[in-house]
Amino acid sequence: DNLCHIAHNVDIGKHTVVIAGCSIGGSAKIGEFCWLAPSSTILENVKIGNYARVGLGAVVVKDVPEHANMVGNPAIDFRIRNKS
């Protein structure tokens, strides 16, 4: 999409959606069928599992497991956040 920053050595899996304003740091690995919301940030060397979703403006600072729904800064799984 528009105004995305994708740094060097980034690997993005098939059918992954990268939406406007998203920033992905160097050597990040994004799985298949992921969704990266507007203005989200993925730091360098972070791995995001298949089917994961990163919410609006979230800042991902560590690896994300498959099927996670990451929100906030620093990003945590939405399901874990709701339990606390």
Protein backbone atom coordinates (compact mmCIF):
# COMPACT_ATOMS: atom_id res chain seq x y z
CA ASP A 1 0.00 0.00 0.00
CA ASN A 2 0.98 3.66 0.08
CA LEU A 3 3.89 5.07 2.16
CA CYS A 4 5.16 1.72 3.49
CA HIS A 5 8.79 1.33 4.50
CA ILE A 6 10.24 -2.13 3.92
CA ALA A 7 13.93 -2.32 4.83
CA HIS A 8 16.70 -4.59 3.54
CA ASN A 9 16.49 -8.42 3.73
CA VAL A 10 12.79 -8.45 4.66
CA ASP A 11 10.97 -11.67 3.75
CA ILE A 12 7.18 -11.32 3.34
CA GLY A 13 5.10 -14.48 2.88
CA LYS A 14 2.44 -14.96 0.24
CA HIS A 15 -1.02 -13.41 0.70
CA THR A 16 0.23 -11.06 3.44
CA VAL A 17 -1.34 -7.60 3.44
CA VAL A 18 0.86 -4.60 4.28
CA ILE A 19 -1.34 -1.52 4.71
CA ALA A 20 -0.49 2.21 4.39
CA GLY A 21 2.18 3.68 6.64
CA CYS A 22 3.50 0.33 7.88
CA SER A 23 7.22 0.23 8.69
CA ILE A 24 9.19 -3.03 8.65
CA GLY A 25 12.78 -3.11 9.96
CA GLY A 26 15.69 -4.91 8.34
CA SER A 27 15.86 -8.71 8.20
CA ALA A 28 12.31 -9.16 9.55
CA LYS A 29 10.47 -12.32 8.50
CA ILE A 30 6.71 -12.03 7.98
CA GLY A 31 4.70 -15.24 7.57
CA GLU A 32 1.94 -16.11 5.13
CA PHE A 33 -1.63 -14.75 5.32
CA CYS A 34 -0.65 -12.01 7.82
CA TRP A 35 -2.27 -8.58 8.13
CA LEU A 36 -0.21 -5.53 9.10
CA ALA A 37 -2.45 -2.58 9.97
CA PRO A 38 -1.84 1.08 9.10
CA SER A 39 1.04 2.78 10.95
CA SER A 40 2.20 -0.46 12.56
CA THR A 41 5.93 -0.93 13.14
CA ILE A 42 7.89 -4.17 13.02
CA LEU A 43 11.40 -3.87 14.46
CA GLU A 44 14.45 -5.44 12.84
CA ASN A 45 15.09 -9.20 13.08
CA VAL A 46 11.53 -9.92 14.30
CA LYS A 47 9.72 -13.03 13.06
CA ILE A 48 5.95 -13.00 12.64
CA GLY A 49 4.17 -16.35 12.37
CA ASN A 50 1.58 -17.31 9.77
CA TYR A 51 -1.96 -15.88 10.09
CA ALA A 52 -0.85 -13.27 12.65
CA ARG A 53 -2.46 -9.82 12.74
CA VAL A 54 -0.80 -6.61 13.87
CA GLY A 55 -3.20 -3.85 14.95
CA LEU A 56 -3.34 -0.14 14.17
CA GLY A 57 -0.19 1.63 15.35
CA ALA A 58 1.18 -1.44 17.15
CA VAL A 59 4.94 -1.64 17.72
CA VAL A 60 6.20 -5.23 17.49
CA VAL A 61 9.49 -5.59 19.41
CA LYS A 62 9.76 -9.39 19.69
CA ASP A 63 8.76 -12.51 17.76
CA VAL A 64 5.06 -13.17 17.21
CA PRO A 65 3.54 -16.69 17.25
CA GLU A 66 1.11 -17.96 14.61
CA HIS A 67 -2.52 -16.77 14.84
CA ALA A 68 -1.64 -13.97 17.32
CA ASN A 69 -3.53 -10.65 17.37
CA MET A 70 -0.94 -8.05 18.38
CA VAL A 71 -1.97 -4.62 19.72
CA GLY A 72 -0.34 -1.76 21.63
CA ASN A 73 3.15 -0.41 22.25
CA PRO A 74 4.98 -2.64 22.88
CA ALA A 75 2.66 -5.06 21.12
CA ILE A 76 1.16 -7.97 23.05
CA ASP A 77 -1.41 -10.57 22.02
CA PHE A 78 -4.92 -9.16 22.33
CA ARG A 79 -6.22 -12.38 23.90
CA ILE A 80 -3.60 -12.21 26.67
CA ARG A 81 -4.29 -8.50 27.26
CA ASN A 82 -8.03 -9.18 27.77
CA LYS A 83 -7.37 -11.86 30.42
CA SER A 84 -5.53 -9.42 32.71
